[in-house]
Protein backbone atom coordinates (compact mmCIF):
# COMPACT_ATOMS: atom_id res chain seq x y z
CA MET A 1 101.61 65.63 91.57
CA PHE A 2 100.12 66.40 94.98
CA VAL A 3 102.15 64.04 97.17
CA TYR A 4 104.91 65.45 99.35
CA ASP A 5 108.28 64.38 97.97
CA GLU A 6 111.17 64.73 100.37
CA ARG A 7 113.85 64.49 97.70
CA THR A 8 112.43 67.33 95.63
CA THR A 9 111.90 69.37 98.79
CA ASP A 10 115.53 68.91 99.78
CA LEU A 11 116.70 69.84 96.27
CA VAL A 12 114.74 73.08 96.21
CA LEU A 13 115.51 74.08 99.79
CA SER A 14 119.19 73.37 99.22
CA TYR A 15 119.16 75.75 96.25
CA CYS A 16 117.37 78.38 98.36
CA ARG A 17 119.95 78.03 101.13
CA GLU A 18 122.78 78.53 98.67
CA ARG A 19 121.08 81.55 97.10
CA LEU A 20 120.38 83.15 100.46
CA ALA A 21 123.98 82.57 101.56
CA LEU A 22 125.52 84.42 98.60
CA ASP A 23 127.67 87.21 100.00
CA PRO A 24 127.78 89.37 98.03
CA VAL A 25 125.12 88.58 95.48
CA PRO A 26 126.76 88.53 92.02
CA LEU A 27 125.45 90.66 89.19
CA ASP A 28 125.39 87.99 86.45
CA TYR A 29 124.62 88.98 82.88
CA GLY A 30 120.91 89.07 82.04
CA GLY A 31 119.86 89.48 78.43
CA TYR A 32 123.35 89.24 76.97
CA GLU A 33 122.60 85.52 76.57
CA ALA A 34 119.41 85.66 74.55
CA ASP A 35 118.76 82.27 72.93
CA PHE A 36 117.45 79.46 75.14
CA SER A 37 115.65 77.44 72.47
CA ASP A 38 118.10 74.54 72.46
CA LEU A 39 118.12 74.38 76.26
CA LEU A 40 114.33 74.33 76.60
CA GLU A 41 113.47 72.28 73.53
CA GLY A 42 111.34 69.28 74.53
CA LEU A 43 111.54 69.99 78.24
CA ILE A 44 107.76 70.23 78.63
CA GLY A 45 105.88 67.41 76.95
CA PRO A 46 103.56 64.48 77.65
CA GLY A 47 105.97 62.96 80.14
CA GLY A 48 107.79 64.57 83.03
CA ASN A 49 111.44 64.92 83.99
CA ASP A 50 113.55 64.11 86.99
CA PRO A 51 113.44 67.14 89.34
CA GLN A 52 117.23 67.12 89.60
CA LYS A 53 117.53 67.53 85.81
CA VAL A 54 115.10 70.45 85.75
CA LEU A 55 116.71 72.18 88.72
CA ASP A 56 120.19 71.71 87.23
CA LEU A 57 119.03 73.37 84.01
CA PHE A 58 117.62 76.26 85.99
CA THR A 59 120.68 76.60 88.22
CA GLU A 60 123.34 76.31 85.53
CA HIS A 61 121.71 78.18 82.67
CA LEU A 62 118.51 80.09 83.47
CA SER A 63 119.25 81.54 86.90
CA THR A 64 122.59 82.94 85.73
CA ALA A 65 121.02 84.68 82.73
CA VAL A 66 119.71 87.50 84.88
CA VAL A 67 121.00 90.70 86.34
CA SER A 68 120.47 90.29 90.07
CA ILE A 69 118.55 93.31 91.29
CA ASP A 70 119.54 92.58 94.89
CA SER A 71 123.28 92.80 94.16
CA PRO A 72 124.97 95.79 95.83
CA ARG A 73 126.46 96.45 92.37
CA PHE A 74 123.03 96.90 90.78
CA LEU A 75 123.01 100.69 90.46
CA SER A 76 120.45 101.29 87.71
CA PHE A 77 116.68 101.65 87.51
CA ILE A 78 115.61 101.23 91.17
CA PRO A 79 117.52 98.46 92.95
CA ALA A 80 116.12 96.09 95.55
CA ALA A 81 117.70 94.85 98.74
CA PRO A 82 115.30 92.39 100.40
CA THR A 83 116.32 91.27 103.86
CA LYS A 84 117.07 87.59 104.28
CA ASP A 85 114.16 87.32 106.70
CA ALA A 86 111.75 88.85 104.18
CA LEU A 87 112.93 86.40 101.52
CA LEU A 88 112.52 83.47 103.89
CA PHE A 89 109.02 84.51 104.85
CA ASP A 90 108.13 84.93 101.19
CA MET A 91 108.78 81.19 100.98
CA VAL A 92 106.29 80.71 103.81
CA VAL A 93 103.70 82.74 101.91
CA SER A 94 104.33 80.77 98.71
CA SER A 95 104.08 77.40 100.40
CA SER A 96 100.88 78.23 102.28
CA SER A 97 98.42 78.62 99.37
CA LEU A 98 97.12 81.91 100.68
CA ASN A 99 94.47 84.05 99.03
CA GLY A 100 94.64 87.41 100.73
CA ALA A 101 91.62 88.89 98.98
CA SER A 102 89.25 88.93 101.93
CA TRP A 103 88.93 88.94 105.68
CA LEU A 104 86.90 85.72 105.45
CA LEU A 105 89.76 83.79 103.82
CA ALA A 106 92.73 85.47 105.47
CA ALA A 107 91.77 87.44 108.57
CA GLY A 108 95.06 86.95 110.41
CA LEU A 109 97.11 87.76 107.34
CA VAL A 110 95.12 90.91 106.61
CA ALA A 111 95.55 92.04 110.22
CA ALA A 112 99.33 91.63 109.92
CA GLU A 113 99.46 93.48 106.60
CA ASN A 114 97.32 96.26 108.06
CA GLN A 115 99.76 96.66 110.90
CA VAL A 116 102.41 97.57 108.33
CA LEU A 117 100.03 99.86 106.44
CA SER A 118 99.28 101.57 109.75
CA LEU A 119 102.98 102.17 110.30
CA LEU A 120 103.45 103.65 106.83
CA ALA A 121 100.36 105.84 107.21
CA GLU A 122 101.65 107.10 110.55
CA LEU A 123 105.07 107.93 109.06
CA ALA A 124 103.32 109.89 106.32
CA GLY A 125 101.14 111.75 108.83
CA LEU A 126 97.86 110.40 107.50
CA PRO A 127 94.90 110.24 109.91
CA PRO A 128 94.24 107.11 112.01
CA GLU A 129 91.34 106.00 109.79
CA ALA A 130 93.59 105.83 106.71
CA GLY A 131 94.11 102.40 105.20
CA GLY A 132 94.38 100.42 102.03
CA THR A 133 96.06 97.33 100.67
CA PHE A 134 99.17 95.89 99.10
CA VAL A 135 99.27 95.51 95.31
CA SER A 136 101.91 94.31 92.87
CA GLY A 137 103.68 97.60 92.21
CA GLY A 138 103.45 101.31 91.57
CA SER A 139 101.69 100.81 88.22
CA ALA A 140 98.79 98.91 89.80
CA ALA A 141 98.70 101.30 92.75
CA ASN A 142 98.62 104.46 90.62
CA LEU A 143 95.88 103.04 88.42
CA SER A 144 93.79 101.96 91.42
CA ALA A 145 94.17 105.32 93.17
CA LEU A 146 93.39 107.41 90.10
CA LEU A 147 90.33 105.26 89.38
CA VAL A 148 89.03 106.29 92.81
CA ALA A 149 89.91 109.91 92.08
CA ARG A 150 88.05 109.83 88.76
CA ASP A 151 84.93 108.10 90.05
CA THR A 152 84.78 110.25 93.19
CA ALA A 153 84.74 113.28 90.90
CA TYR A 154 81.40 112.09 89.49
CA ALA A 155 79.73 112.28 92.92
CA ALA A 156 76.98 114.84 93.43
CA ASP A 157 79.39 117.48 94.71
CA GLY A 158 82.35 116.49 92.51
CA PRO A 159 83.89 118.46 89.64
CA MET A 160 82.39 116.12 87.02
CA ALA A 161 78.84 116.27 88.37
CA SER A 162 77.76 119.09 86.06
CA ALA A 163 80.03 118.27 83.11
CA GLU A 164 78.45 117.73 79.73
CA HIS A 165 77.94 114.17 78.53
CA GLY A 166 81.08 112.87 76.85
CA THR A 167 83.40 115.29 78.60
CA ARG A 168 86.66 113.64 79.59
CA PRO A 169 88.13 114.42 83.01
CA ARG A 170 91.69 115.66 83.27
CA VAL A 171 94.49 114.93 85.71
CA ALA A 172 97.20 117.50 86.45
CA VAL A 173 100.61 115.89 86.09
CA THR A 174 104.15 116.92 85.22
CA GLY A 175 106.47 115.49 82.63
CA GLU A 176 108.61 114.16 85.49
CA ALA A 177 105.89 111.80 86.74
CA HIS A 178 106.41 108.08 86.41
CA SER A 179 105.33 106.61 83.09
CA SER A 180 102.74 104.46 84.86
CA VAL A 181 100.84 107.61 85.85
CA THR A 182 100.35 108.78 82.27
CA LYS A 183 99.50 105.20 81.28
CA ALA A 184 96.87 105.06 84.05
CA ILE A 185 95.35 108.35 82.88
CA HIS A 186 95.05 106.88 79.37
CA VAL A 187 93.51 103.62 80.61
CA LEU A 188 90.94 105.54 82.64
CA GLY A 189 89.75 107.51 79.63
CA ALA A 190 91.04 110.77 81.03
CA ASP A 191 93.43 113.35 79.64
CA PRO A 192 96.61 114.77 81.17
CA LEU A 193 96.95 118.44 81.99
CA VAL A 194 100.73 118.75 81.76
CA VAL A 195 101.98 121.24 84.32
CA PRO A 196 105.35 122.94 83.61
CA THR A 197 107.92 122.36 86.31
CA VAL A 198 110.33 124.68 88.06
CA ASP A 199 113.76 123.03 88.07
CA HIS A 200 111.99 119.72 87.31
CA ARG A 201 109.71 120.10 90.36
CA LEU A 202 105.97 120.60 90.63
CA THR A 203 105.36 123.81 92.59
CA ALA A 204 102.27 125.55 93.92
CA SER A 205 102.78 128.51 91.57
CA SER A 206 103.20 126.39 88.43
CA LEU A 207 100.20 124.26 89.38
CA THR A 208 98.07 127.34 90.06
CA ALA A 209 98.96 128.86 86.70
CA ALA A 210 98.14 125.63 84.85
CA LEU A 211 94.82 125.21 86.65
CA ASP A 212 93.87 128.84 85.99
CA GLY A 213 94.51 128.25 82.31
CA ALA A 214 92.49 125.05 82.37
CA GLU A 215 89.43 126.94 83.56
CA THR A 216 89.13 128.78 80.26
CA ASP A 217 90.37 126.26 77.70
CA ALA A 218 88.30 123.64 75.91
CA GLY A 219 89.31 120.68 78.06
CA GLY A 220 87.32 118.86 80.70
CA PRO A 221 87.39 119.55 84.45
CA VAL A 222 90.61 118.75 86.31
CA VAL A 223 89.70 116.15 88.91
CA ALA A 224 93.08 115.24 90.42
CA VAL A 225 96.64 116.42 90.94
CA VAL A 226 99.53 113.94 90.93
CA ALA A 227 102.71 114.84 92.77
CA THR A 228 105.85 112.73 93.07
CA GLY A 229 107.73 111.92 96.25
CA GLY A 230 111.05 111.08 94.61
CA THR A 231 111.13 110.97 90.82
CA THR A 232 112.55 107.80 89.33
CA ASN A 233 115.07 109.52 87.08
CA ALA A 234 116.57 112.00 89.54
CA GLY A 235 114.98 111.43 92.97
CA ILE A 236 113.33 114.87 93.08
CA VAL A 237 110.56 115.49 95.61
CA ASP A 238 107.81 117.82 94.42
CA ASP A 239 106.46 120.71 96.47
CA LEU A 240 103.99 118.46 98.24
CA ASN A 241 102.91 121.08 100.74
CA GLY A 242 102.08 123.75 98.19
CA SER A 243 100.62 121.49 95.50
CA GLY A 244 98.50 119.63 98.03
CA ALA A 245 97.08 122.89 99.36
CA VAL A 246 96.24 124.11 95.84
CA ALA A 247 94.56 120.80 94.97
CA HIS A 248 92.37 120.82 98.06
CA GLN A 249 91.49 124.51 97.74
CA ARG A 250 90.04 123.66 94.34
CA GLY A 251 88.27 120.49 95.42
CA MET A 252 90.63 118.13 93.60
CA TRP A 253 91.99 114.75 94.61
CA PHE A 254 95.65 114.88 95.67
CA HIS A 255 97.63 111.75 94.80
CA VAL A 256 101.27 111.29 95.82
CA ASP A 257 103.39 108.73 94.02
CA ALA A 258 106.21 108.02 96.46
CA ALA A 259 106.89 104.54 95.11
CA TYR A 260 110.65 105.05 95.25
CA GLY A 261 111.13 107.88 97.70
CA GLY A 262 108.58 106.88 100.34
CA GLY A 263 111.10 104.66 102.10
CA ALA A 264 112.94 107.83 103.13
CA LEU A 265 110.07 108.60 105.51
CA PHE A 266 111.90 106.31 107.96
CA SER A 267 114.71 108.88 108.14
CA PRO A 268 113.89 111.87 110.37
CA ALA A 269 116.33 114.03 108.40
CA ALA A 270 114.90 113.09 105.01
CA ARG A 271 111.31 113.32 106.27
CA THR A 272 111.46 117.11 106.10
CA ARG A 273 111.65 116.93 102.30
CA PHE A 274 108.20 115.34 102.31
CA ALA A 275 106.39 118.15 104.14
CA GLY A 276 102.81 118.14 102.91
CA ILE A 277 102.62 114.42 102.16
CA GLU A 278 100.09 114.21 104.97
CA GLN A 279 97.63 116.01 102.67
CA ALA A 280 97.52 113.07 100.26
CA ASP A 281 94.13 111.57 99.45
CA SER A 282 96.02 108.55 98.13
CA LEU A 283 99.64 107.54 98.56
CA VAL A 284 101.87 104.89 97.00
CA ILE A 285 105.04 103.46 98.59
CA ASP A 286 106.84 100.45 97.11
CA PRO A 287 108.49 98.37 99.86
CA HIS A 288 110.17 96.24 97.20
CA LYS A 289 112.24 99.33 96.47
CA TRP A 290 113.57 101.13 99.53
CA LEU A 291 111.97 99.11 102.33
CA PHE A 292 113.82 95.87 101.70
CA ALA A 293 110.91 93.62 100.76
CA PRO A 294 110.91 91.05 97.93
CA TYR A 295 109.14 91.65 94.65
CA ASP A 296 106.29 92.31 94.23
CA CYS A 297 105.04 94.63 96.96
CA ALA A 298 103.49 98.10 96.79
CA ALA A 299 101.56 99.79 99.59
CA LEU A 300 98.48 101.75 98.51
CA LEU A 301 96.96 104.02 101.16
CA TYR A 302 93.86 106.22 101.18
CA ARG A 303 93.06 109.07 103.53
CA ASP A 304 89.41 107.99 103.43
CA PRO A 305 89.25 104.28 102.55
CA SER A 306 85.46 104.38 102.27
CA LEU A 307 85.82 106.29 99.00
CA ALA A 308 88.03 103.56 97.59
CA LYS A 309 85.68 100.87 98.84
CA ALA A 310 82.75 102.50 97.05
CA VAL A 311 84.69 102.30 93.79
CA HIS A 312 86.58 99.00 94.01
CA THR A 313 84.20 96.62 95.77
CA GLN A 314 83.25 93.83 93.40
CA ASP A 315 79.66 92.62 93.64
CA ALA A 316 78.81 89.07 92.62
CA ALA A 317 76.57 86.40 94.06
CA TYR A 318 79.49 84.16 94.95
CA LEU A 319 81.30 87.04 96.69
CA SER A 320 78.45 87.93 99.06
CA ALA A 321 80.13 85.94 101.84
CA PHE A 322 82.96 88.49 101.80
CA ARG A 323 80.59 91.08 103.18
CA SER A 324 80.39 89.47 106.65
CA ALA A 325 83.03 87.97 108.90
CA PRO A 326 81.76 85.37 111.35
CA ARG A 327 84.08 84.74 114.25
CA ALA A 328 85.03 81.22 115.27
CA PRO A 329 83.26 80.17 118.50
CA GLY A 330 85.24 81.18 121.56
CA ARG A 331 87.87 83.02 119.56
CA PRO A 332 88.84 86.43 120.98
CA PRO A 333 89.03 89.56 118.81
CA VAL A 334 92.34 90.24 117.05
CA GLY A 335 93.81 93.30 115.34
CA GLY A 336 91.59 94.24 112.45
CA ARG A 337 91.55 97.06 110.04
CA ARG A 338 94.56 99.28 110.49
CA GLY A 339 97.21 97.77 112.70
CA GLY A 340 94.88 96.66 115.45
CA ARG A 341 93.42 100.12 116.07
CA ARG A 342 89.99 98.58 115.59
CA ASP A 343 88.69 95.26 116.78
CA GLU A 344 88.09 92.36 114.46
CA PRO A 345 84.75 92.77 112.67
CA GLY A 346 81.96 90.87 114.37
CA LEU A 347 78.88 89.18 112.97
CA GLY A 348 76.99 91.45 110.62
CA GLU A 349 79.79 94.02 110.41
CA GLU A 350 81.62 94.87 107.21
CA PRO A 351 85.06 93.25 107.25
CA TRP A 352 88.27 94.76 105.91
CA ASN A 353 88.70 93.10 102.52
CA PRO A 354 91.89 94.09 100.67
CA THR A 355 90.08 93.54 97.37
CA ASP A 356 87.85 96.53 98.21
CA TYR A 357 90.74 98.97 97.86
CA ALA A 358 92.29 98.17 94.44
CA PHE A 359 91.16 96.74 91.12
CA GLN A 360 92.51 93.29 92.01
CA LEU A 361 90.45 90.38 93.35
CA SER A 362 92.69 87.36 93.89
CA ARG A 363 95.93 88.36 95.57
CA ARG A 364 98.82 86.82 97.42
CA SER A 365 99.51 88.26 100.86
CA ARG A 366 102.47 90.20 99.53
CA GLY A 367 102.76 92.42 102.59
CA LEU A 368 103.59 89.55 104.95
CA PRO A 369 107.33 89.27 104.16
CA LEU A 370 107.70 92.96 105.00
CA TRP A 371 105.65 92.49 108.17
CA PHE A 372 107.86 89.60 109.29
CA SER A 373 111.09 91.47 108.58
CA LEU A 374 109.90 94.61 110.37
CA ALA A 375 108.79 92.57 113.37
CA VAL A 376 112.13 90.74 113.50
CA HIS A 377 114.45 93.73 113.00
CA GLY A 378 112.47 96.72 114.24
CA THR A 379 112.01 100.16 112.75
CA ASP A 380 115.36 101.47 114.02
CA ALA A 381 117.16 98.97 111.78
CA TYR A 382 115.09 100.14 108.82
CA ARG A 383 115.89 103.77 109.62
CA ASN A 384 119.60 102.96 109.78
CA ALA A 385 119.51 101.08 106.47
CA VAL A 386 117.74 103.94 104.70
CA GLU A 387 120.12 106.50 106.16
CA THR A 388 123.11 104.41 105.09
CA ALA A 389 122.06 104.77 101.45
CA ILE A 390 121.54 108.51 101.88
CA ALA A 391 124.98 108.86 103.46
CA THR A 392 126.60 106.87 100.64
CA ALA A 393 124.90 109.14 98.11
CA ARG A 394 126.23 112.20 99.94
CA ASP A 395 129.79 110.79 99.98
CA ALA A 396 129.53 109.70 96.35
CA THR A 397 128.50 113.23 95.43
CA GLU A 398 131.73 114.62 96.83
CA LEU A 399 133.70 111.88 95.09
CA ILE A 400 132.16 112.77 91.72
CA LYS A 401 132.98 116.44 92.28
CA THR A 402 136.63 115.68 93.01
CA THR A 403 137.18 113.16 90.22
CA PRO A 404 138.86 115.01 87.31
CA HIS A 405 136.92 113.40 84.46
CA THR A 406 133.41 113.49 85.99
CA GLU A 407 130.95 116.29 86.65
CA LEU A 408 127.90 116.33 88.91
CA VAL A 409 124.70 117.23 87.03
CA ARG A 410 122.67 118.25 90.10
CA GLU A 411 122.79 117.86 93.85
CA PRO A 412 120.90 114.74 94.95
CA GLU A 413 117.85 115.07 97.17
CA LEU A 414 117.60 111.42 98.19
CA SER A 415 119.83 108.64 96.85
CA ILE A 416 119.89 109.04 93.05
CA LEU A 417 122.87 110.77 91.45
CA LEU A 418 123.15 112.16 87.93
CA PHE A 419 126.62 112.87 86.59
CA ARG A 420 128.48 113.04 83.30
CA ARG A 421 131.81 112.02 81.84
CA ARG A 422 133.12 115.11 80.12
CA GLY A 423 133.15 114.78 76.35
CA TRP A 424 131.19 111.54 76.08
CA THR A 425 128.43 110.80 73.59
CA ARG A 426 125.56 108.37 74.13
CA GLY A 427 127.55 105.72 72.29
CA ASP A 428 130.43 106.17 74.75
CA TYR A 429 128.07 105.71 77.70
CA GLU A 430 126.50 102.62 76.18
CA ARG A 431 129.84 100.96 75.43
CA TRP A 432 131.06 101.77 78.93
CA SER A 433 127.86 100.40 80.51
CA SER A 434 128.19 97.13 78.58
CA ARG A 435 131.85 96.78 79.51
CA ILE A 436 131.49 97.30 83.26
CA LEU A 437 128.60 94.82 83.39
CA SER A 438 130.74 92.29 81.53
CA ASP A 439 133.54 92.98 84.03
CA GLN A 440 131.01 92.61 86.88
CA ILE A 441 131.84 96.05 88.24
CA ALA A 442 128.26 97.29 88.20
CA LEU A 443 125.05 97.62 86.25
CA CYS A 444 125.01 101.33 85.45
CA VAL A 445 123.02 102.24 82.34
CA PRO A 446 122.84 105.80 81.00
CA THR A 447 119.77 107.99 81.12
CA THR A 448 118.76 111.30 79.54
CA TRP A 449 118.72 114.64 81.34
CA GLU A 450 117.60 117.82 79.61
CA GLY A 451 118.14 116.18 76.25
CA GLU A 452 121.67 114.94 76.92
CA PRO A 453 122.97 111.48 77.87
CA VAL A 454 124.29 111.22 81.42
CA ALA A 455 125.24 108.52 83.89
CA ARG A 456 122.97 107.67 86.78
CA LEU A 457 123.57 105.92 90.10
CA ALA A 458 120.63 104.65 92.16
CA LEU A 459 122.04 103.99 95.62
CA LEU A 460 119.65 101.99 97.74
CA HIS A 461 121.38 98.81 98.93
CA PRO A 462 123.01 99.36 102.35
CA GLU A 463 125.95 97.22 101.18
CA THR A 464 126.69 99.41 98.15
CA THR A 465 129.91 100.96 99.39
CA LEU A 466 131.83 104.04 98.37
CA ALA A 467 134.54 101.69 97.12
CA ILE A 468 132.07 100.34 94.52
CA VAL A 469 131.29 103.89 93.42
CA GLN A 470 135.03 104.55 93.13
CA GLN A 471 135.37 101.52 90.83
CA VAL A 472 132.56 102.84 88.65
CA LEU A 473 134.15 106.27 88.34
CA ALA A 474 137.60 104.83 87.70
CA SER A 475 136.19 102.72 84.87
CA MET A 476 135.25 105.95 83.05
CA ALA A 477 138.81 107.28 82.93
């Protein structure tokens, strides 16, 4: 089991080469083929199988029963478009048996990941001391950040310090927030304070009104405000400037979930929509969405990482070695905490352990593929790729407006478009969605907007062309 086998290596690498060379990546069919019991029956048992047999089963049957998220025709949910270099370096990470939990075990890897976190923090306008870690996705990031917000509220000067025993904290959130935010609030034993939106956006005035009402009702203290930097359903950016100011005026934690929209920070034109994001106490950006990294990769940043460290650090006898970082004899300092802005920790100094900034302990170095791709291509290439999607969304908007049988629901802010086919019911949308996937035109599933079924396009892949959008619209005629 632990001996290098050249034949198996060649088999797997050959498959990887073929997969990487697909141009374009096909959609395939996903869950429409649902029963694999006959295929898998007896495959795993006391004895093994020839690697060729197992790989053939995967290649011919399992790997085609997916919908490829990195296809330029994947236009639902939030697509992915990992660069080839990021995918290749993900293979390096996988084959290297890395545990990126601590500086002791992975100092060089942590330094590289922190260089990327430093770049994202700088784009967001966070202070130089900001930092954090990479986690699996927005769900883990939102939960980790709100755990810090909740526990920080129990500090001597926090809003929960004088609360009666048994009082549950509350988190201000809108109905447009990602479902993982409300799930995190539930997991943390808190309650949501649902803030009404103005045109589906959190504003300073609506937040102020909700917080004023919360001061006199029977609920617990509001300890945090969650704003969204690009809602998943419609790509709407909240009033980050106003809501952040209100949160801080009232001594509340300000969390920004920019899991989808944060990639737009690379675009100078789109950056203006995110005014106020620099006020965030915690910030989430998912590079496996709009920053062309493989799954799973979410960047979690804190304005003051020491607050997160106080909450997330795990204490155990066997982990005490994580608290110091001895340097190899004769080895010079290398980039440490955030992007090399600080030297490598020396003897007796506290190292930068990624596990201190989220609820995870063991972790793969999931930020390295993004680091490699950024280093290879440069930030200008990333800016151009992001702006290509925004431009396609702008052109697609005009196309929807001029197509006789379609109607734009609202002007897009980033790269998500909502539109309707006049006269259609939900059943019509669902039959159409199934048909165009079967025809390999696109994955485009309906959503709900203000109680009505509508179509939705999530344009993220730089190779999703206007011609593909035209095919989608023509298929609705």
